[in-house]
Amino acid sequence: MELKQSGRAISEASRRLAAMGPGSVRERGILQLEYANALIQKREIPEAAAMIGEAVPIVAGHSSARLTHSVRQARARLQPWQDSKHVQGLDERLRALSIVG
């Protein structure tokens, strides 16, 4: 994904999240993880880790295998920044909820 496309993806995801109703829980989680991936592409790591963190309660409370897989993929994309406090904090949350090992 090019940086220009990432910017558009971030804008679109932000707009869609703001318009999303409370009944769209699974869809919100998927969109948050797509948003996080666009943030990672732009190397906005603190924001990406925070967005994944926002999706964590949805993932933990939902039986969707796609959500669990998506959060693991998004976290894997943060591997180059694994020593940052933002990624380490996210890892603690993911381990506490048994989303990652």
PDB file of N, CA and C in Angstrom:
ATOM      1  N   MET A   1       0.843  -1.166   0.000  1.00  0.00           N
ATOM      2  CA  MET A   1       0.000   0.000   0.000  1.00  0.00           C
ATOM      3  C   MET A   1       0.897   1.240   0.000  1.00  0.00           C
ATOM      4  N   GLU A   2       0.676   2.142  -0.925  1.00  0.00           N
ATOM      5  CA  GLU A   2       1.460   3.361  -0.976  1.00  0.00           C
ATOM      6  C   GLU A   2       1.036   4.292   0.149  1.00  0.00           C
ATOM      7  N   LEU A   3       1.928   5.222   0.509  1.00  0.00           N
ATOM      8  CA  LEU A   3       1.618   6.151   1.589  1.00  0.00           C
ATOM      9  C   LEU A   3       0.400   7.001   1.265  1.00  0.00           C
ATOM     10  N   LYS A   4       0.260   7.394   0.021  1.00  0.00           N
ATOM     11  CA  LYS A   4      -0.900   8.199  -0.383  1.00  0.00           C
ATOM     12  C   LYS A   4      -2.190   7.408  -0.162  1.00  0.00           C
ATOM     13  N   GLN A   5      -2.161   6.144  -0.526  1.00  0.00           N
ATOM     14  CA  GLN A   5      -3.322   5.288  -0.315  1.00  0.00           C
ATOM     15  C   GLN A   5      -3.574   5.080   1.175  1.00  0.00           C
ATOM     16  N   SER A   6      -2.510   5.002   1.960  1.00  0.00           N
ATOM     17  CA  SER A   6      -2.663   4.844   3.405  1.00  0.00           C
ATOM     18  C   SER A   6      -3.380   6.053   3.987  1.00  0.00           C
ATOM     19  N   GLY A   7      -3.019   7.229   3.530  1.00  0.00           N
ATOM     20  CA  GLY A   7      -3.685   8.438   4.003  1.00  0.00           C
ATOM     21  C   GLY A   7      -5.163   8.430   3.693  1.00  0.00           C
ATOM     22  N   ARG A   8      -5.500   8.003   2.492  1.00  0.00           N
ATOM     23  CA  ARG A   8      -6.918   7.900   2.118  1.00  0.00           C
ATOM     24  C   ARG A   8      -7.623   6.839   2.949  1.00  0.00           C
ATOM     25  N   ALA A   9      -6.958   5.718   3.184  1.00  0.00           N
ATOM     26  CA  ALA A   9      -7.546   4.647   3.991  1.00  0.00           C
ATOM     27  C   ALA A   9      -7.802   5.120   5.415  1.00  0.00           C
ATOM     28  N   ILE A  10      -6.874   5.905   5.964  1.00  0.00           N
ATOM     29  CA  ILE A  10      -7.036   6.440   7.320  1.00  0.00           C
ATOM     30  C   ILE A  10      -8.227   7.389   7.371  1.00  0.00           C
ATOM     31  N   SER A  11      -8.320   8.282   6.410  1.00  0.00           N
ATOM     32  CA  SER A  11      -9.442   9.229   6.372  1.00  0.00           C
ATOM     33  C   SER A  11     -10.779   8.507   6.245  1.00  0.00           C
ATOM     34  N   GLU A  12     -10.822   7.531   5.365  1.00  0.00           N
ATOM     35  CA  GLU A  12     -12.064   6.783   5.146  1.00  0.00           C
ATOM     36  C   GLU A  12     -12.450   5.974   6.382  1.00  0.00           C
ATOM     37  N   ALA A  13     -11.478   5.314   6.984  1.00  0.00           N
ATOM     38  CA  ALA A  13     -11.765   4.517   8.183  1.00  0.00           C
ATOM     39  C   ALA A  13     -12.246   5.409   9.315  1.00  0.00           C
ATOM     40  N   SER A  14     -11.627   6.551   9.476  1.00  0.00           N
ATOM     41  CA  SER A  14     -12.032   7.492  10.521  1.00  0.00           C
ATOM     42  C   SER A  14     -13.468   7.951  10.305  1.00  0.00           C
ATOM     43  N   ARG A  15     -13.794   8.277   9.068  1.00  0.00           N
ATOM     44  CA  ARG A  15     -15.148   8.717   8.733  1.00  0.00           C
ATOM     45  C   ARG A  15     -16.164   7.603   8.989  1.00  0.00           C
ATOM     46  N   ARG A  16     -15.834   6.395   8.562  1.00  0.00           N
ATOM     47  CA  ARG A  16     -16.759   5.274   8.735  1.00  0.00           C
ATOM     48  C   ARG A  16     -16.936   4.909  10.209  1.00  0.00           C
ATOM     49  N   LEU A  17     -15.861   4.963  10.994  1.00  0.00           N
ATOM     50  CA  LEU A  17     -15.974   4.662  12.425  1.00  0.00           C
ATOM     51  C   LEU A  17     -16.876   5.678  13.121  1.00  0.00           C
ATOM     52  N   ALA A  18     -16.747   6.940  12.753  1.00  0.00           N
ATOM     53  CA  ALA A  18     -17.558   7.991  13.366  1.00  0.00           C
ATOM     54  C   ALA A  18     -19.040   7.809  13.053  1.00  0.00           C
ATOM     55  N   ALA A  19     -19.339   7.266  11.870  1.00  0.00           N
ATOM     56  CA  ALA A  19     -20.729   7.102  11.449  1.00  0.00           C
ATOM     57  C   ALA A  19     -21.330   5.767  11.886  1.00  0.00           C
ATOM     58  N   MET A  20     -20.514   4.861  12.405  1.00  0.00           N
ATOM     59  CA  MET A  20     -20.958   3.513  12.728  1.00  0.00           C
ATOM     60  C   MET A  20     -21.803   3.493  14.000  1.00  0.00           C
ATOM     61  N   GLY A  21     -22.880   2.776  13.940  1.00  0.00           N
ATOM     62  CA  GLY A  21     -23.751   2.637  15.100  1.00  0.00           C
ATOM     63  C   GLY A  21     -23.231   1.622  16.100  1.00  0.00           C
ATOM     64  N   PRO A  22     -23.810   1.619  17.298  1.00  0.00           N
ATOM     65  CA  PRO A  22     -23.338   0.721  18.356  1.00  0.00           C
ATOM     66  C   PRO A  22     -23.621  -0.761  18.087  1.00  0.00           C
ATOM     67  N   GLY A  23     -24.498  -1.075  17.168  1.00  0.00           N
ATOM     68  CA  GLY A  23     -24.841  -2.463  16.896  1.00  0.00           C
ATOM     69  C   GLY A  23     -23.880  -3.174  15.955  1.00  0.00           C
ATOM     70  N   SER A  24     -22.927  -2.468  15.414  1.00  0.00           N
ATOM     71  CA  SER A  24     -22.008  -3.023  14.422  1.00  0.00           C
ATOM     72  C   SER A  24     -20.679  -3.412  15.060  1.00  0.00           C
ATOM     73  N   VAL A  25     -20.729  -4.218  16.088  1.00  0.00           N
ATOM     74  CA  VAL A  25     -19.539  -4.506  16.880  1.00  0.00           C
ATOM     75  C   VAL A  25     -18.459  -5.206  16.059  1.00  0.00           C
ATOM     76  N   ARG A  26     -18.784  -6.300  15.418  1.00  0.00           N
ATOM     77  CA  ARG A  26     -17.786  -7.051  14.645  1.00  0.00           C
ATOM     78  C   ARG A  26     -17.214  -6.185  13.532  1.00  0.00           C
ATOM     79  N   GLU A  27     -18.083  -5.470  12.825  1.00  0.00           N
ATOM     80  CA  GLU A  27     -17.644  -4.604  11.735  1.00  0.00           C
ATOM     81  C   GLU A  27     -16.735  -3.490  12.252  1.00  0.00           C
ATOM     82  N   ARG A  28     -17.036  -2.968  13.443  1.00  0.00           N
ATOM     83  CA  ARG A  28     -16.189  -1.932  14.050  1.00  0.00           C
ATOM     84  C   ARG A  28     -14.786  -2.489  14.300  1.00  0.00           C
ATOM     85  N   GLY A  29     -14.712  -3.697  14.838  1.00  0.00           N
ATOM     86  CA  GLY A  29     -13.410  -4.304  15.092  1.00  0.00           C
ATOM     87  C   GLY A  29     -12.613  -4.505  13.821  1.00  0.00           C
ATOM     88  N   ILE A  30     -13.256  -4.986  12.778  1.00  0.00           N
ATOM     89  CA  ILE A  30     -12.578  -5.189  11.491  1.00  0.00           C
ATOM     90  C   ILE A  30     -12.074  -3.862  10.950  1.00  0.00           C
ATOM     91  N   LEU A  31     -12.914  -2.833  11.011  1.00  0.00           N
ATOM     92  CA  LEU A  31     -12.531  -1.521  10.506  1.00  0.00           C
ATOM     93  C   LEU A  31     -11.392  -0.914  11.334  1.00  0.00           C
ATOM     94  N   GLN A  32     -11.428  -1.098  12.640  1.00  0.00           N
ATOM     95  CA  GLN A  32     -10.347  -0.591  13.483  1.00  0.00           C
ATOM     96  C   GLN A  32      -9.015  -1.253  13.122  1.00  0.00           C
ATOM     97  N   LEU A  33      -9.051  -2.532  12.814  1.00  0.00           N
ATOM     98  CA  LEU A  33      -7.816  -3.235  12.452  1.00  0.00           C
ATOM     99  C   LEU A  33      -7.326  -2.817  11.067  1.00  0.00           C
ATOM    100  N   GLU A  34      -8.238  -2.541  10.146  1.00  0.00           N
ATOM    101  CA  GLU A  34      -7.839  -2.006   8.843  1.00  0.00           C
ATOM    102  C   GLU A  34      -7.204  -0.626   9.019  1.00  0.00           C
ATOM    103  N   TYR A  35      -7.805   0.173   9.875  1.00  0.00           N
ATOM    104  CA  TYR A  35      -7.288   1.506  10.195  1.00  0.00           C
ATOM    105  C   TYR A  35      -5.875   1.371  10.779  1.00  0.00           C
ATOM    106  N   ALA A  36      -5.686   0.448  11.714  1.00  0.00           N
ATOM    107  CA  ALA A  36      -4.374   0.230  12.324  1.00  0.00           C
ATOM    108  C   ALA A  36      -3.341  -0.167  11.275  1.00  0.00           C
ATOM    109  N   ASN A  37      -3.721  -1.012  10.340  1.00  0.00           N
ATOM    110  CA  ASN A  37      -2.783  -1.423   9.293  1.00  0.00           C
ATOM    111  C   ASN A  37      -2.355  -0.240   8.429  1.00  0.00           C
ATOM    112  N   ALA A  38      -3.281   0.666   8.137  1.00  0.00           N
ATOM    113  CA  ALA A  38      -2.932   1.869   7.372  1.00  0.00           C
ATOM    114  C   ALA A  38      -1.987   2.757   8.186  1.00  0.00           C
ATOM    115  N   LEU A  39      -2.231   2.847   9.484  1.00  0.00           N
ATOM    116  CA  LEU A  39      -1.345   3.625  10.352  1.00  0.00           C
ATOM    117  C   LEU A  39       0.057   3.013  10.394  1.00  0.00           C
ATOM    118  N   ILE A  40       0.133   1.701  10.442  1.00  0.00           N
ATOM    119  CA  ILE A  40       1.435   1.017  10.427  1.00  0.00           C
ATOM    120  C   ILE A  40       2.161   1.323   9.125  1.00  0.00           C
ATOM    121  N   GLN A  41       1.437   1.297   8.021  1.00  0.00           N
ATOM    122  CA  GLN A  41       2.038   1.590   6.720  1.00  0.00           C
ATOM    123  C   GLN A  41       2.660   2.990   6.707  1.00  0.00           C
ATOM    124  N   LYS A  42       2.028   3.924   7.406  1.00  0.00           N
ATOM    125  CA  LYS A  42       2.547   5.289   7.490  1.00  0.00           C
ATOM    126  C   LYS A  42       3.554   5.456   8.632  1.00  0.00           C
ATOM    127  N   ARG A  43       3.831   4.346   9.317  1.00  0.00           N
ATOM    128  CA  ARG A  43       4.774   4.315  10.450  1.00  0.00           C
ATOM    129  C   ARG A  43       4.318   5.202  11.610  1.00  0.00           C
ATOM    130  N   GLU A  44       3.026   5.269  11.795  1.00  0.00           N
ATOM    131  CA  GLU A  44       2.453   5.971  12.938  1.00  0.00           C
ATOM    132  C   GLU A  44       2.179   4.925  14.017  1.00  0.00           C
ATOM    133  N   ILE A  45       3.268   4.467  14.618  1.00  0.00           N
ATOM    134  CA  ILE A  45       3.247   3.300  15.487  1.00  0.00           C
ATOM    135  C   ILE A  45       2.450   3.510  16.778  1.00  0.00           C
ATOM    136  N   PRO A  46       2.626   4.619  17.502  1.00  0.00           N
ATOM    137  CA  PRO A  46       1.813   4.794  18.713  1.00  0.00           C
ATOM    138  C   PRO A  46       0.309   4.780  18.409  1.00  0.00           C
ATOM    139  N   GLU A  47      -0.065   5.437  17.316  1.00  0.00           N
ATOM    140  CA  GLU A  47      -1.476   5.479  16.929  1.00  0.00           C
ATOM    141  C   GLU A  47      -1.975   4.103  16.497  1.00  0.00           C
ATOM    142  N   ALA A  48      -1.132   3.370  15.772  1.00  0.00           N
ATOM    143  CA  ALA A  48      -1.510   2.024  15.323  1.00  0.00           C
ATOM    144  C   ALA A  48      -1.706   1.096  16.515  1.00  0.00           C
ATOM    145  N   ALA A  49      -0.770   1.143  17.465  1.00  0.00           N
ATOM    146  CA  ALA A  49      -0.898   0.297  18.655  1.00  0.00           C
ATOM    147  C   ALA A  49      -2.154   0.661  19.433  1.00  0.00           C
ATOM    148  N   ALA A  50      -2.456   1.952  19.519  1.00  0.00           N
ATOM    149  CA  ALA A  50      -3.669   2.388  20.219  1.00  0.00           C
ATOM    150  C   ALA A  50      -4.930   1.896  19.506  1.00  0.00           C
ATOM    151  N   MET A  51      -4.931   1.944  18.182  1.00  0.00           N
ATOM    152  CA  MET A  51      -6.109   1.503  17.430  1.00  0.00           C
ATOM    153  C   MET A  51      -6.302  -0.001  17.569  1.00  0.00           C
ATOM    154  N   ILE A  52      -5.229  -0.768  17.543  1.00  0.00           N
ATOM    155  CA  ILE A  52      -5.345  -2.210  17.783  1.00  0.00           C
ATOM    156  C   ILE A  52      -5.887  -2.427  19.190  1.00  0.00           C
ATOM    157  N   GLY A  53      -5.374  -1.654  20.139  1.00  0.00           N
ATOM    158  CA  GLY A  53      -5.846  -1.745  21.521  1.00  0.00           C
ATOM    159  C   GLY A  53      -7.331  -1.475  21.653  1.00  0.00           C
ATOM    160  N   GLU A  54      -7.852  -0.547  20.839  1.00  0.00           N
ATOM    161  CA  GLU A  54      -9.292  -0.268  20.859  1.00  0.00           C
ATOM    162  C   GLU A  54     -10.098  -1.458  20.346  1.00  0.00           C
ATOM    163  N   ALA A  55      -9.508  -2.220  19.439  1.00  0.00           N
ATOM    164  CA  ALA A  55     -10.198  -3.389  18.885  1.00  0.00           C
ATOM    165  C   ALA A  55     -10.126  -4.602  19.812  1.00  0.00           C
ATOM    166  N   VAL A  56      -9.170  -4.604  20.734  1.00  0.00           N
ATOM    167  CA  VAL A  56      -8.946  -5.767  21.600  1.00  0.00           C
ATOM    168  C   VAL A  56     -10.200  -6.199  22.368  1.00  0.00           C
ATOM    169  N   PRO A  57     -10.945  -5.301  23.013  1.00  0.00           N
ATOM    170  CA  PRO A  57     -12.145  -5.768  23.726  1.00  0.00           C
ATOM    171  C   PRO A  57     -13.176  -6.414  22.801  1.00  0.00           C
ATOM    172  N   ILE A  58     -13.260  -5.901  21.577  1.00  0.00           N
ATOM    173  CA  ILE A  58     -14.190  -6.491  20.606  1.00  0.00           C
ATOM    174  C   ILE A  58     -13.728  -7.895  20.252  1.00  0.00           C
ATOM    175  N   VAL A  59     -12.441  -8.031  19.982  1.00  0.00           N
ATOM    176  CA  VAL A  59     -11.882  -9.335  19.620  1.00  0.00           C
ATOM    177  C   VAL A  59     -12.068 -10.325  20.764  1.00  0.00           C
ATOM    178  N   ALA A  60     -11.790  -9.871  21.978  1.00  0.00           N
ATOM    179  CA  ALA A  60     -11.900 -10.757  23.143  1.00  0.00           C
ATOM    180  C   ALA A  60     -13.338 -11.182  23.415  1.00  0.00           C
ATOM    181  N   GLY A  61     -14.283 -10.325  23.080  1.00  0.00           N
ATOM    182  CA  GLY A  61     -15.676 -10.630  23.382  1.00  0.00           C
ATOM    183  C   GLY A  61     -16.461 -11.213  22.224  1.00  0.00           C
ATOM    184  N   HIS A  62     -15.790 -11.515  21.140  1.00  0.00           N
ATOM    185  CA  HIS A  62     -16.478 -11.999  19.946  1.00  0.00           C
ATOM    186  C   HIS A  62     -15.880 -13.336  19.525  1.00  0.00           C
ATOM    187  N   SER A  63     -16.677 -14.173  18.948  1.00  0.00           N
ATOM    188  CA  SER A  63     -16.202 -15.503  18.553  1.00  0.00           C
ATOM    189  C   SER A  63     -15.630 -15.551  17.136  1.00  0.00           C
ATOM    190  N   SER A  64     -15.481 -14.403  16.498  1.00  0.00           N
ATOM    191  CA  SER A  64     -15.021 -14.359  15.117  1.00  0.00           C
ATOM    192  C   SER A  64     -13.546 -14.747  14.993  1.00  0.00           C
ATOM    193  N   ALA A  65     -13.287 -15.823  14.285  1.00  0.00           N
ATOM    194  CA  ALA A  65     -11.907 -16.242  14.025  1.00  0.00           C
ATOM    195  C   ALA A  65     -11.207 -15.230  13.136  1.00  0.00           C
ATOM    196  N   ARG A  66     -11.960 -14.567  12.254  1.00  0.00           N
ATOM    197  CA  ARG A  66     -11.375 -13.551  11.381  1.00  0.00           C
ATOM    198  C   ARG A  66     -10.824 -12.392  12.205  1.00  0.00           C
ATOM    199  N   LEU A  67     -11.556 -11.968  13.211  1.00  0.00           N
ATOM    200  CA  LEU A  67     -11.083 -10.875  14.064  1.00  0.00           C
ATOM    201  C   LEU A  67      -9.795 -11.257  14.783  1.00  0.00           C
ATOM    202  N   THR A  68      -9.774 -12.430  15.354  1.00  0.00           N
ATOM    203  CA  THR A  68      -8.586 -12.891  16.066  1.00  0.00           C
ATOM    204  C   THR A  68      -7.394 -12.964  15.119  1.00  0.00           C
ATOM    205  N   HIS A  69      -7.602 -13.521  13.950  1.00  0.00           N
ATOM    206  CA  HIS A  69      -6.539 -13.621  12.949  1.00  0.00           C
ATOM    207  C   HIS A  69      -6.067 -12.225  12.528  1.00  0.00           C
ATOM    208  N   SER A  70      -7.004 -11.308  12.319  1.00  0.00           N
ATOM    209  CA  SER A  70      -6.662  -9.947  11.890  1.00  0.00           C
ATOM    210  C   SER A  70      -5.855  -9.199  12.937  1.00  0.00           C
ATOM    211  N   VAL A  71      -6.198  -9.365  14.216  1.00  0.00           N
ATOM    212  CA  VAL A  71      -5.437  -8.673  15.253  1.00  0.00           C
ATOM    213  C   VAL A  71      -4.026  -9.262  15.347  1.00  0.00           C
ATOM    214  N   ARG A  72      -3.899 -10.556  15.168  1.00  0.00           N
ATOM    215  CA  ARG A  72      -2.565 -11.174  15.187  1.00  0.00           C
ATOM    216  C   ARG A  72      -1.726 -10.709  14.006  1.00  0.00           C
ATOM    217  N   GLN A  73      -2.343 -10.567  12.843  1.00  0.00           N
ATOM    218  CA  GLN A  73      -1.619 -10.073  11.671  1.00  0.00           C
ATOM    219  C   GLN A  73      -1.177  -8.628  11.881  1.00  0.00           C
ATOM    220  N   ALA A  74      -2.077  -7.807  12.393  1.00  0.00           N
ATOM    221  CA  ALA A  74      -1.739  -6.402  12.638  1.00  0.00           C
ATOM    222  C   ALA A  74      -0.583  -6.317  13.635  1.00  0.00           C
ATOM    223  N   ARG A  75      -0.648  -7.113  14.685  1.00  0.00           N
ATOM    224  CA  ARG A  75       0.440  -7.100  15.672  1.00  0.00           C
ATOM    225  C   ARG A  75       1.751  -7.562  15.036  1.00  0.00           C
ATOM    226  N   ALA A  76       1.696  -8.546  14.170  1.00  0.00           N
ATOM    227  CA  ALA A  76       2.907  -9.030  13.502  1.00  0.00           C
ATOM    228  C   ALA A  76       3.557  -7.918  12.677  1.00  0.00           C
ATOM    229  N   ARG A  77       2.752  -7.039  12.101  1.00  0.00           N
ATOM    230  CA  ARG A  77       3.291  -5.931  11.315  1.00  0.00           C
ATOM    231  C   ARG A  77       4.024  -4.916  12.199  1.00  0.00           C
ATOM    232  N   LEU A  78       3.773  -4.952  13.489  1.00  0.00           N
ATOM    233  CA  LEU A  78       4.452  -4.059  14.432  1.00  0.00           C
ATOM    234  C   LEU A  78       5.775  -4.627  14.933  1.00  0.00           C
ATOM    235  N   GLN A  79       6.149  -5.798  14.470  1.00  0.00           N
ATOM    236  CA  GLN A  79       7.355  -6.473  14.961  1.00  0.00           C
ATOM    237  C   GLN A  79       8.619  -5.607  14.918  1.00  0.00           C
ATOM    238  N   PRO A  80       8.831  -4.815  13.867  1.00  0.00           N
ATOM    239  CA  PRO A  80      10.045  -3.984  13.862  1.00  0.00           C
ATOM    240  C   PRO A  80      10.105  -2.974  15.027  1.00  0.00           C
ATOM    241  N   TRP A  81       8.982  -2.698  15.639  1.00  0.00           N
ATOM    242  CA  TRP A  81       8.902  -1.735  16.740  1.00  0.00           C
ATOM    243  C   TRP A  81       8.573  -2.426  18.057  1.00  0.00           C
ATOM    244  N   GLN A  82       8.884  -3.698  18.171  1.00  0.00           N
ATOM    245  CA  GLN A  82       8.510  -4.491  19.337  1.00  0.00           C
ATOM    246  C   GLN A  82       9.080  -3.945  20.646  1.00  0.00           C
ATOM    247  N   ASP A  83      10.157  -3.179  20.589  1.00  0.00           N
ATOM    248  CA  ASP A  83      10.752  -2.642  21.809  1.00  0.00           C
ATOM    249  C   ASP A  83      10.162  -1.300  22.243  1.00  0.00           C
ATOM    250  N   SER A  84       9.254  -0.754  21.442  1.00  0.00           N
ATOM    251  CA  SER A  84       8.650   0.527  21.824  1.00  0.00           C
ATOM    252  C   SER A  84       7.653   0.313  22.961  1.00  0.00           C
ATOM    253  N   LYS A  85       7.498   1.316  23.794  1.00  0.00           N
ATOM    254  CA  LYS A  85       6.576   1.184  24.929  1.00  0.00           C
ATOM    255  C   LYS A  85       5.141   0.983  24.461  1.00  0.00           C
ATOM    256  N   HIS A  86       4.792   1.514  23.309  1.00  0.00           N
ATOM    257  CA  HIS A  86       3.424   1.378  22.808  1.00  0.00           C
ATOM    258  C   HIS A  86       3.123  -0.065  22.408  1.00  0.00           C
ATOM    259  N   VAL A  87       4.070  -0.684  21.727  1.00  0.00           N
ATOM    260  CA  VAL A  87       3.880  -2.072  21.294  1.00  0.00           C
ATOM    261  C   VAL A  87       3.975  -3.005  22.498  1.00  0.00           C
ATOM    262  N   GLN A  88       4.864  -2.722  23.422  1.00  0.00           N
ATOM    263  CA  GLN A  88       4.963  -3.560  24.617  1.00  0.00           C
ATOM    264  C   GLN A  88       3.679  -3.492  25.445  1.00  0.00           C
ATOM    265  N   GLY A  89       3.091  -2.308  25.548  1.00  0.00           N
ATOM    266  CA  GLY A  89       1.819  -2.182  26.265  1.00  0.00           C
ATOM    267  C   GLY A  89       0.711  -2.959  25.577  1.00  0.00           C
ATOM    268  N   LEU A  90       0.691  -2.887  24.253  1.00  0.00           N
ATOM    269  CA  LEU A  90      -0.289  -3.655  23.486  1.00  0.00           C
ATOM    270  C   LEU A  90      -0.075  -5.149  23.708  1.00  0.00           C
ATOM    271  N   ASP A  91       1.176  -5.582  23.676  1.00  0.00           N
ATOM    272  CA  ASP A  91       1.473  -7.005  23.886  1.00  0.00           C
ATOM    273  C   ASP A  91       0.959  -7.491  25.243  1.00  0.00           C
ATOM    274  N   GLU A  92       1.120  -6.673  26.263  1.00  0.00           N
ATOM    275  CA  GLU A  92       0.617  -7.044  27.591  1.00  0.00           C
ATOM    276  C   GLU A  92      -0.892  -7.267  27.562  1.00  0.00           C
ATOM    277  N   ARG A  93      -1.606  -6.374  26.905  1.00  0.00           N
ATOM    278  CA  ARG A  93      -3.069  -6.522  26.799  1.00  0.00           C
ATOM    279  C   ARG A  93      -3.443  -7.781  26.012  1.00  0.00           C
ATOM    280  N   LEU A  94      -2.741  -8.018  24.922  1.00  0.00           N
ATOM    281  CA  LEU A  94      -3.045  -9.187  24.084  1.00  0.00           C
ATOM    282  C   LEU A  94      -2.750 -10.494  24.843  1.00  0.00           C
ATOM    283  N   ARG A  95      -1.649 -10.524  25.587  1.00  0.00           N
ATOM    284  CA  ARG A  95      -1.332 -11.720  26.382  1.00  0.00           C
ATOM    285  C   ARG A  95      -2.343 -11.918  27.509  1.00  0.00           C
ATOM    286  N   ALA A  96      -2.740 -10.844  28.151  1.00  0.00           N
ATOM    287  CA  ALA A  96      -3.697 -10.934  29.260  1.00  0.00           C
ATOM    288  C   ALA A  96      -5.023 -11.524  28.799  1.00  0.00           C
ATOM    289  N   LEU A  97      -5.379 -11.280  27.565  1.00  0.00           N
ATOM    290  CA  LEU A  97      -6.647 -11.795  27.034  1.00  0.00           C
ATOM    291  C   LEU A  97      -6.441 -13.057  26.196  1.00  0.00           C
ATOM    292  N   SER A  98      -5.233 -13.602  26.226  1.00  0.00           N
ATOM    293  CA  SER A  98      -4.881 -14.828  25.492  1.00  0.00           C
ATOM    294  C   SER A  98      -5.116 -14.706  24.006  1.00  0.00           C
ATOM    295  N   ILE A  99      -4.921 -13.506  23.469  1.00  0.00           N
ATOM    296  CA  ILE A  99      -5.059 -13.319  22.033  1.00  0.00           C
ATOM    297  C   ILE A  99      -3.753 -13.670  21.335  1.00  0.00           C
ATOM    298  N   VAL A 100      -2.631 -13.417  22.011  1.00  0.00           N
ATOM    299  CA  VAL A 100      -1.326 -13.863  21.532  1.00  0.00           C
ATOM    300  C   VAL A 100      -0.628 -14.566  22.672  1.00  0.00           C
ATOM    301  N   GLY A 101       0.365 -15.398  22.327  1.00  0.00           N
ATOM    302  CA  GLY A 101       1.072 -16.180  23.342  1.00  0.00           C
ATOM    303  C   GLY A 101       2.121 -15.448  24.086  1.00  0.00           C
TER     304      GLY A 101
END
